Amino acid sequence: MNNMAIIIGSCTDITYRQVNYIRNNLISPVNSSTGHFNIQLFDLTGNNFAVITKKDFILSLKEYSVLVLSGGETAYTVLDNADFGYLESGPHILPLISTGIIYGGILDGKKYIIKGGSIGDESIYKKIIEYADINMR
C-alpha cells in the first residue's frame, strides 16, 4: 500500500468545496484507503498554513510516496523548505495539474502532483487519485 499526502493551502470558495468533497467522498473516517493509496489530507486553508514551514512537517512527508500540492504558494513553500534541487516534469493530468519527481533535498525521489489552487471542480481530487492509482504506484 502506498501513502499519499494531499496538502491544500489555497483559501478560495472552490478549494473549500474540494476539501469537503475529499472528506465526504474520498476519505472514510474509519479507513483513509482509496484504491491503492492510504490518503492523508493536510487542510491548511484556515490559520494552519505556517505549519508547512516547519522542518518537522517537511520531514513527516518522507513517509508518503506521492505528494499532492494544491496552490503555487503551497507547492513553493513545501519544496523550498525541503531544500529541493529541481523538479523533473512528467505528464499533465489536466491543464495546470502537473506530475513528476522531486530531486534534491529532504524529499528527493518523491513523486509529486501540483495543482493550481482554484483549478477543477469539487471532485477534481477523485480524478487526481485515479490518475495516481494507475500511473504513480
N, C-alpha and C. Protein backbone atom coordinates (compact mmCIF):
# COMPACT_ATOMS: atom_id res chain seq x y z
N MET A 1 0.85 -1.18 0.00
CA MET A 1 0.00 0.00 0.00
C MET A 1 0.88 1.24 0.00
N ASN A 2 0.56 2.20 -0.84
CA ASN A 2 1.29 3.46 -0.91
C ASN A 2 0.55 4.53 -0.11
N ASN A 3 1.29 5.51 0.34
CA ASN A 3 0.72 6.63 1.08
C ASN A 3 0.73 7.88 0.23
N MET A 4 -0.36 8.63 0.28
CA MET A 4 -0.48 9.88 -0.47
C MET A 4 -0.82 11.00 0.51
N ALA A 5 -0.06 12.09 0.43
CA ALA A 5 -0.37 13.29 1.21
C ALA A 5 -0.99 14.31 0.27
N ILE A 6 -2.15 14.82 0.63
CA ILE A 6 -2.79 15.91 -0.11
C ILE A 6 -2.68 17.15 0.76
N ILE A 7 -1.92 18.14 0.27
CA ILE A 7 -1.65 19.34 1.05
C ILE A 7 -2.33 20.52 0.35
N ILE A 8 -3.33 21.08 1.00
CA ILE A 8 -4.13 22.15 0.41
C ILE A 8 -3.96 23.42 1.24
N GLY A 9 -3.47 24.47 0.59
CA GLY A 9 -3.26 25.72 1.29
C GLY A 9 -4.07 26.87 0.75
N SER A 10 -4.60 26.74 -0.45
CA SER A 10 -5.37 27.83 -1.06
C SER A 10 -6.68 28.05 -0.30
N CYS A 11 -7.11 29.29 -0.23
CA CYS A 11 -8.32 29.64 0.53
C CYS A 11 -9.35 30.29 -0.38
N THR A 12 -9.95 29.51 -1.27
CA THR A 12 -10.99 30.05 -2.16
C THR A 12 -12.26 29.23 -1.96
N ASP A 13 -13.36 29.73 -2.48
CA ASP A 13 -14.63 29.00 -2.36
C ASP A 13 -14.52 27.61 -2.96
N ILE A 14 -13.92 27.49 -4.14
CA ILE A 14 -13.81 26.17 -4.77
C ILE A 14 -12.90 25.26 -3.96
N THR A 15 -11.86 25.81 -3.36
CA THR A 15 -10.97 25.00 -2.53
C THR A 15 -11.72 24.42 -1.34
N TYR A 16 -12.53 25.23 -0.69
CA TYR A 16 -13.32 24.73 0.44
C TYR A 16 -14.26 23.61 -0.01
N ARG A 17 -14.87 23.76 -1.18
CA ARG A 17 -15.75 22.70 -1.70
C ARG A 17 -14.94 21.44 -2.02
N GLN A 18 -13.73 21.61 -2.55
CA GLN A 18 -12.87 20.45 -2.84
C GLN A 18 -12.49 19.72 -1.56
N VAL A 19 -12.14 20.47 -0.52
CA VAL A 19 -11.79 19.86 0.77
C VAL A 19 -12.98 19.09 1.32
N ASN A 20 -14.17 19.67 1.27
CA ASN A 20 -15.36 18.97 1.75
C ASN A 20 -15.63 17.71 0.93
N TYR A 21 -15.42 17.77 -0.38
CA TYR A 21 -15.61 16.59 -1.22
C TYR A 21 -14.64 15.48 -0.82
N ILE A 22 -13.39 15.85 -0.60
CA ILE A 22 -12.40 14.85 -0.17
C ILE A 22 -12.86 14.20 1.13
N ARG A 23 -13.21 15.01 2.10
CA ARG A 23 -13.61 14.48 3.42
C ARG A 23 -14.86 13.60 3.32
N ASN A 24 -15.82 14.01 2.52
CA ASN A 24 -17.10 13.30 2.47
C ASN A 24 -17.13 12.12 1.52
N ASN A 25 -16.24 12.09 0.52
CA ASN A 25 -16.34 11.07 -0.52
C ASN A 25 -15.08 10.24 -0.74
N LEU A 26 -13.94 10.74 -0.36
CA LEU A 26 -12.70 10.03 -0.70
C LEU A 26 -11.97 9.48 0.51
N ILE A 27 -12.27 9.99 1.69
CA ILE A 27 -11.60 9.51 2.90
C ILE A 27 -12.66 9.06 3.88
N SER A 28 -12.64 7.79 4.18
CA SER A 28 -13.56 7.24 5.17
C SER A 28 -13.04 7.58 6.56
N PRO A 29 -13.95 7.90 7.51
CA PRO A 29 -13.48 8.18 8.86
C PRO A 29 -12.81 6.97 9.51
N VAL A 30 -13.18 5.78 9.07
CA VAL A 30 -12.60 4.56 9.64
C VAL A 30 -11.30 4.19 8.94
N ASN A 31 -11.27 4.31 7.61
CA ASN A 31 -10.11 3.89 6.83
C ASN A 31 -9.90 4.88 5.70
N SER A 32 -8.74 5.50 5.66
CA SER A 32 -8.48 6.51 4.63
C SER A 32 -7.92 5.90 3.36
N SER A 33 -8.15 4.61 3.16
CA SER A 33 -7.63 3.93 1.98
C SER A 33 -8.57 4.11 0.79
N THR A 34 -8.03 4.59 -0.32
CA THR A 34 -8.78 4.73 -1.56
C THR A 34 -7.96 4.06 -2.65
N GLY A 35 -8.50 3.04 -3.29
CA GLY A 35 -7.72 2.34 -4.31
C GLY A 35 -6.49 1.72 -3.67
N HIS A 36 -5.34 2.08 -4.19
CA HIS A 36 -4.08 1.54 -3.69
C HIS A 36 -3.33 2.53 -2.81
N PHE A 37 -4.00 3.59 -2.37
CA PHE A 37 -3.34 4.61 -1.57
C PHE A 37 -4.03 4.79 -0.22
N ASN A 38 -3.21 4.93 0.82
CA ASN A 38 -3.69 5.47 2.09
C ASN A 38 -3.52 6.98 1.97
N ILE A 39 -4.59 7.72 2.17
CA ILE A 39 -4.59 9.16 1.92
C ILE A 39 -4.63 9.93 3.23
N GLN A 40 -3.75 10.91 3.33
CA GLN A 40 -3.75 11.84 4.46
C GLN A 40 -4.00 13.24 3.91
N LEU A 41 -5.04 13.89 4.38
CA LEU A 41 -5.36 15.25 3.96
C LEU A 41 -4.78 16.24 4.96
N PHE A 42 -4.00 17.18 4.46
CA PHE A 42 -3.50 18.29 5.27
C PHE A 42 -4.22 19.53 4.78
N ASP A 43 -5.27 19.91 5.48
CA ASP A 43 -6.09 21.07 5.11
C ASP A 43 -5.53 22.29 5.84
N LEU A 44 -4.84 23.12 5.10
CA LEU A 44 -4.20 24.30 5.68
C LEU A 44 -4.95 25.57 5.30
N THR A 45 -6.21 25.44 4.91
CA THR A 45 -6.96 26.59 4.42
C THR A 45 -7.34 27.57 5.53
N GLY A 46 -7.26 27.16 6.76
CA GLY A 46 -7.55 28.07 7.87
C GLY A 46 -6.29 28.84 8.25
N ASN A 47 -5.99 28.85 9.51
CA ASN A 47 -4.81 29.56 10.01
C ASN A 47 -3.62 28.64 10.19
N ASN A 48 -3.63 27.48 9.54
CA ASN A 48 -2.60 26.47 9.76
C ASN A 48 -1.47 26.51 8.74
N PHE A 49 -1.46 27.48 7.83
CA PHE A 49 -0.51 27.47 6.72
C PHE A 49 0.94 27.46 7.20
N ALA A 50 1.24 28.13 8.30
CA ALA A 50 2.62 28.23 8.78
C ALA A 50 3.23 26.87 9.11
N VAL A 51 2.39 25.85 9.33
CA VAL A 51 2.92 24.53 9.68
C VAL A 51 3.83 23.99 8.58
N ILE A 52 3.59 24.36 7.32
CA ILE A 52 4.41 23.80 6.25
C ILE A 52 5.79 24.42 6.16
N THR A 53 6.06 25.42 7.00
CA THR A 53 7.41 25.99 7.05
C THR A 53 8.27 25.28 8.09
N LYS A 54 7.68 24.39 8.86
CA LYS A 54 8.39 23.70 9.94
C LYS A 54 9.10 22.45 9.40
N LYS A 55 10.34 22.27 9.79
CA LYS A 55 11.13 21.11 9.35
C LYS A 55 10.47 19.79 9.76
N ASP A 56 9.87 19.75 10.95
CA ASP A 56 9.21 18.51 11.39
C ASP A 56 8.11 18.10 10.42
N PHE A 57 7.35 19.08 9.93
CA PHE A 57 6.30 18.77 8.96
C PHE A 57 6.92 18.25 7.66
N ILE A 58 7.94 18.94 7.17
CA ILE A 58 8.60 18.52 5.93
C ILE A 58 9.17 17.12 6.09
N LEU A 59 9.81 16.85 7.21
CA LEU A 59 10.37 15.51 7.46
C LEU A 59 9.26 14.45 7.50
N SER A 60 8.09 14.80 8.02
CA SER A 60 6.99 13.82 8.09
C SER A 60 6.50 13.43 6.70
N LEU A 61 6.74 14.27 5.70
CA LEU A 61 6.30 13.96 4.33
C LEU A 61 7.12 12.86 3.68
N LYS A 62 8.26 12.51 4.28
CA LYS A 62 9.09 11.45 3.72
C LYS A 62 8.37 10.11 3.70
N GLU A 63 7.37 9.92 4.56
CA GLU A 63 6.67 8.64 4.62
C GLU A 63 5.66 8.45 3.49
N TYR A 64 5.42 9.48 2.70
CA TYR A 64 4.44 9.41 1.61
C TYR A 64 5.13 9.16 0.29
N SER A 65 4.52 8.31 -0.53
CA SER A 65 5.10 8.01 -1.84
C SER A 65 4.70 9.03 -2.89
N VAL A 66 3.54 9.69 -2.70
CA VAL A 66 3.08 10.73 -3.63
C VAL A 66 2.63 11.94 -2.81
N LEU A 67 3.10 13.11 -3.22
CA LEU A 67 2.70 14.36 -2.58
C LEU A 67 1.84 15.15 -3.56
N VAL A 68 0.63 15.48 -3.15
CA VAL A 68 -0.27 16.31 -3.95
C VAL A 68 -0.26 17.69 -3.31
N LEU A 69 0.23 18.67 -4.06
CA LEU A 69 0.37 20.03 -3.55
C LEU A 69 -0.60 20.93 -4.30
N SER A 70 -1.50 21.58 -3.57
CA SER A 70 -2.50 22.44 -4.20
C SER A 70 -2.18 23.90 -3.93
N GLY A 71 -1.95 24.63 -5.00
CA GLY A 71 -1.64 26.05 -4.90
C GLY A 71 -0.15 26.31 -5.08
N GLY A 72 0.16 27.33 -5.85
CA GLY A 72 1.56 27.66 -6.12
C GLY A 72 2.34 28.02 -4.88
N GLU A 73 1.74 28.82 -4.00
CA GLU A 73 2.43 29.20 -2.77
C GLU A 73 2.65 27.99 -1.87
N THR A 74 1.67 27.12 -1.81
CA THR A 74 1.81 25.88 -1.02
C THR A 74 2.94 25.03 -1.57
N ALA A 75 2.93 24.80 -2.88
CA ALA A 75 3.98 23.98 -3.50
C ALA A 75 5.36 24.60 -3.28
N TYR A 76 5.48 25.89 -3.53
CA TYR A 76 6.78 26.55 -3.37
C TYR A 76 7.26 26.47 -1.92
N THR A 77 6.37 26.71 -0.97
CA THR A 77 6.77 26.70 0.44
C THR A 77 7.24 25.32 0.88
N VAL A 78 6.50 24.27 0.50
CA VAL A 78 6.92 22.91 0.85
C VAL A 78 8.26 22.59 0.21
N LEU A 79 8.39 22.83 -1.09
CA LEU A 79 9.61 22.47 -1.80
C LEU A 79 10.81 23.29 -1.32
N ASP A 80 10.62 24.57 -1.10
CA ASP A 80 11.70 25.43 -0.62
C ASP A 80 12.18 24.99 0.76
N ASN A 81 11.25 24.68 1.65
CA ASN A 81 11.62 24.24 2.99
C ASN A 81 12.20 22.83 3.00
N ALA A 82 12.00 22.09 1.92
CA ALA A 82 12.62 20.76 1.78
C ALA A 82 13.98 20.86 1.10
N ASP A 83 14.40 22.08 0.75
CA ASP A 83 15.69 22.31 0.09
C ASP A 83 15.83 21.52 -1.20
N PHE A 84 14.75 21.48 -2.00
CA PHE A 84 14.78 20.72 -3.25
C PHE A 84 15.76 21.34 -4.24
N GLY A 85 16.22 20.51 -5.19
CA GLY A 85 17.09 21.00 -6.24
C GLY A 85 16.31 21.40 -7.47
N TYR A 86 15.51 20.45 -7.97
CA TYR A 86 14.70 20.73 -9.16
C TYR A 86 13.58 19.71 -9.26
N LEU A 87 12.62 20.01 -10.13
CA LEU A 87 11.51 19.11 -10.42
C LEU A 87 11.68 18.55 -11.81
N GLU A 88 11.56 17.24 -11.93
CA GLU A 88 11.51 16.61 -13.25
C GLU A 88 10.03 16.49 -13.62
N SER A 89 9.65 17.15 -14.68
CA SER A 89 8.24 17.16 -15.08
C SER A 89 7.85 15.88 -15.80
N GLY A 90 6.65 15.42 -15.48
CA GLY A 90 6.06 14.28 -16.17
C GLY A 90 4.82 14.75 -16.90
N PRO A 91 3.91 13.84 -17.18
CA PRO A 91 2.68 14.20 -17.90
C PRO A 91 1.80 15.15 -17.07
N HIS A 92 0.97 15.89 -17.77
CA HIS A 92 -0.05 16.71 -17.11
C HIS A 92 -1.33 15.89 -17.05
N ILE A 93 -1.96 15.88 -15.89
CA ILE A 93 -3.24 15.19 -15.75
C ILE A 93 -4.31 15.99 -16.49
N LEU A 94 -4.33 17.27 -16.27
CA LEU A 94 -5.19 18.25 -16.93
C LEU A 94 -4.37 19.54 -16.99
N PRO A 95 -4.81 20.54 -17.75
CA PRO A 95 -4.07 21.80 -17.73
C PRO A 95 -3.93 22.33 -16.29
N LEU A 96 -2.72 22.76 -15.95
CA LEU A 96 -2.36 23.27 -14.63
C LEU A 96 -2.39 22.22 -13.52
N ILE A 97 -2.34 20.94 -13.90
CA ILE A 97 -2.16 19.86 -12.94
C ILE A 97 -1.04 18.99 -13.47
N SER A 98 0.16 19.18 -12.91
CA SER A 98 1.35 18.51 -13.43
C SER A 98 1.83 17.42 -12.47
N THR A 99 2.62 16.52 -13.02
CA THR A 99 3.19 15.42 -12.25
C THR A 99 4.70 15.39 -12.47
N GLY A 100 5.38 14.63 -11.65
CA GLY A 100 6.81 14.46 -11.84
C GLY A 100 7.48 13.92 -10.60
N ILE A 101 8.79 14.18 -10.52
CA ILE A 101 9.62 13.69 -9.42
C ILE A 101 10.43 14.85 -8.86
N ILE A 102 10.54 14.89 -7.53
CA ILE A 102 11.34 15.89 -6.84
C ILE A 102 12.77 15.37 -6.74
N TYR A 103 13.73 16.23 -7.06
CA TYR A 103 15.14 15.85 -6.91
C TYR A 103 15.85 16.82 -5.98
N GLY A 104 16.65 16.26 -5.11
CA GLY A 104 17.43 17.03 -4.15
C GLY A 104 16.65 17.28 -2.86
N GLY A 105 17.38 17.51 -1.80
CA GLY A 105 16.78 17.86 -0.52
C GLY A 105 16.12 16.71 0.20
N ILE A 106 15.33 17.07 1.18
CA ILE A 106 14.68 16.12 2.07
C ILE A 106 13.72 15.19 1.33
N LEU A 107 13.07 15.68 0.30
CA LEU A 107 12.05 14.90 -0.41
C LEU A 107 12.56 14.30 -1.72
N ASP A 108 13.85 14.12 -1.83
CA ASP A 108 14.47 13.59 -3.05
C ASP A 108 13.83 12.27 -3.47
N GLY A 109 13.44 12.20 -4.72
CA GLY A 109 12.86 10.98 -5.28
C GLY A 109 11.36 10.83 -5.10
N LYS A 110 10.73 11.74 -4.37
CA LYS A 110 9.28 11.65 -4.17
C LYS A 110 8.54 12.05 -5.45
N LYS A 111 7.46 11.35 -5.71
CA LYS A 111 6.59 11.71 -6.83
C LYS A 111 5.67 12.84 -6.37
N TYR A 112 5.38 13.74 -7.29
CA TYR A 112 4.52 14.86 -6.94
C TYR A 112 3.42 15.06 -7.97
N ILE A 113 2.36 15.70 -7.50
CA ILE A 113 1.31 16.26 -8.35
C ILE A 113 1.11 17.68 -7.83
N ILE A 114 1.24 18.66 -8.71
CA ILE A 114 0.99 20.05 -8.32
C ILE A 114 -0.23 20.54 -9.09
N LYS A 115 -1.21 21.03 -8.33
CA LYS A 115 -2.46 21.52 -8.91
C LYS A 115 -2.61 23.00 -8.60
N GLY A 116 -2.92 23.78 -9.62
CA GLY A 116 -3.25 25.18 -9.37
C GLY A 116 -4.38 25.25 -8.36
N GLY A 117 -4.28 26.13 -7.38
CA GLY A 117 -5.20 26.16 -6.24
C GLY A 117 -6.68 26.15 -6.59
N SER A 118 -7.10 26.94 -7.56
CA SER A 118 -8.53 27.04 -7.88
C SER A 118 -8.92 26.20 -9.09
N ILE A 119 -8.03 25.36 -9.55
CA ILE A 119 -8.29 24.55 -10.74
C ILE A 119 -9.20 23.38 -10.40
N GLY A 120 -10.17 23.12 -11.26
CA GLY A 120 -11.02 21.95 -11.14
C GLY A 120 -12.30 22.20 -10.37
N ASP A 121 -13.23 21.28 -10.56
CA ASP A 121 -14.48 21.35 -9.82
C ASP A 121 -14.29 20.67 -8.47
N GLU A 122 -15.37 20.50 -7.73
CA GLU A 122 -15.21 19.96 -6.38
C GLU A 122 -14.73 18.51 -6.37
N SER A 123 -14.92 17.77 -7.45
CA SER A 123 -14.49 16.36 -7.48
C SER A 123 -13.13 16.15 -8.15
N ILE A 124 -12.36 17.20 -8.36
CA ILE A 124 -11.08 17.09 -9.06
C ILE A 124 -10.12 16.10 -8.39
N TYR A 125 -10.17 16.01 -7.07
CA TYR A 125 -9.24 15.10 -6.39
C TYR A 125 -9.55 13.64 -6.68
N LYS A 126 -10.78 13.33 -7.00
CA LYS A 126 -11.11 11.96 -7.42
C LYS A 126 -10.34 11.63 -8.69
N LYS A 127 -10.32 12.55 -9.66
CA LYS A 127 -9.56 12.34 -10.90
C LYS A 127 -8.06 12.23 -10.62
N ILE A 128 -7.57 13.07 -9.73
CA ILE A 128 -6.14 13.05 -9.38
C ILE A 128 -5.76 11.72 -8.75
N ILE A 129 -6.57 11.25 -7.81
CA ILE A 129 -6.28 9.98 -7.14
C ILE A 129 -6.37 8.81 -8.13
N GLU A 130 -7.37 8.83 -9.00
CA GLU A 130 -7.48 7.78 -10.02
C GLU A 130 -6.27 7.77 -10.93
N TYR A 131 -5.80 8.94 -11.34
CA TYR A 131 -4.60 9.03 -12.19
C TYR A 131 -3.40 8.44 -11.44
N ALA A 132 -3.21 8.86 -10.21
CA ALA A 132 -2.06 8.39 -9.43
C ALA A 132 -2.13 6.88 -9.21
N ASP A 133 -3.33 6.36 -9.00
CA ASP A 133 -3.50 4.93 -8.76
C ASP A 133 -3.05 4.12 -9.97
N ILE A 134 -3.28 4.63 -11.16
CA ILE A 134 -2.89 3.93 -12.38
C ILE A 134 -1.44 4.19 -12.76
N ASN A 135 -0.97 5.42 -12.58
CA ASN A 135 0.31 5.84 -13.15
C ASN A 135 1.45 6.10 -12.18
N MET A 136 1.19 6.13 -10.87
CA MET A 136 2.24 6.57 -9.95
C MET A 136 2.50 5.61 -8.80
N ARG A 137 2.10 4.37 -8.93
CA ARG A 137 2.36 3.41 -7.84
C ARG A 137 3.75 2.87 -7.90
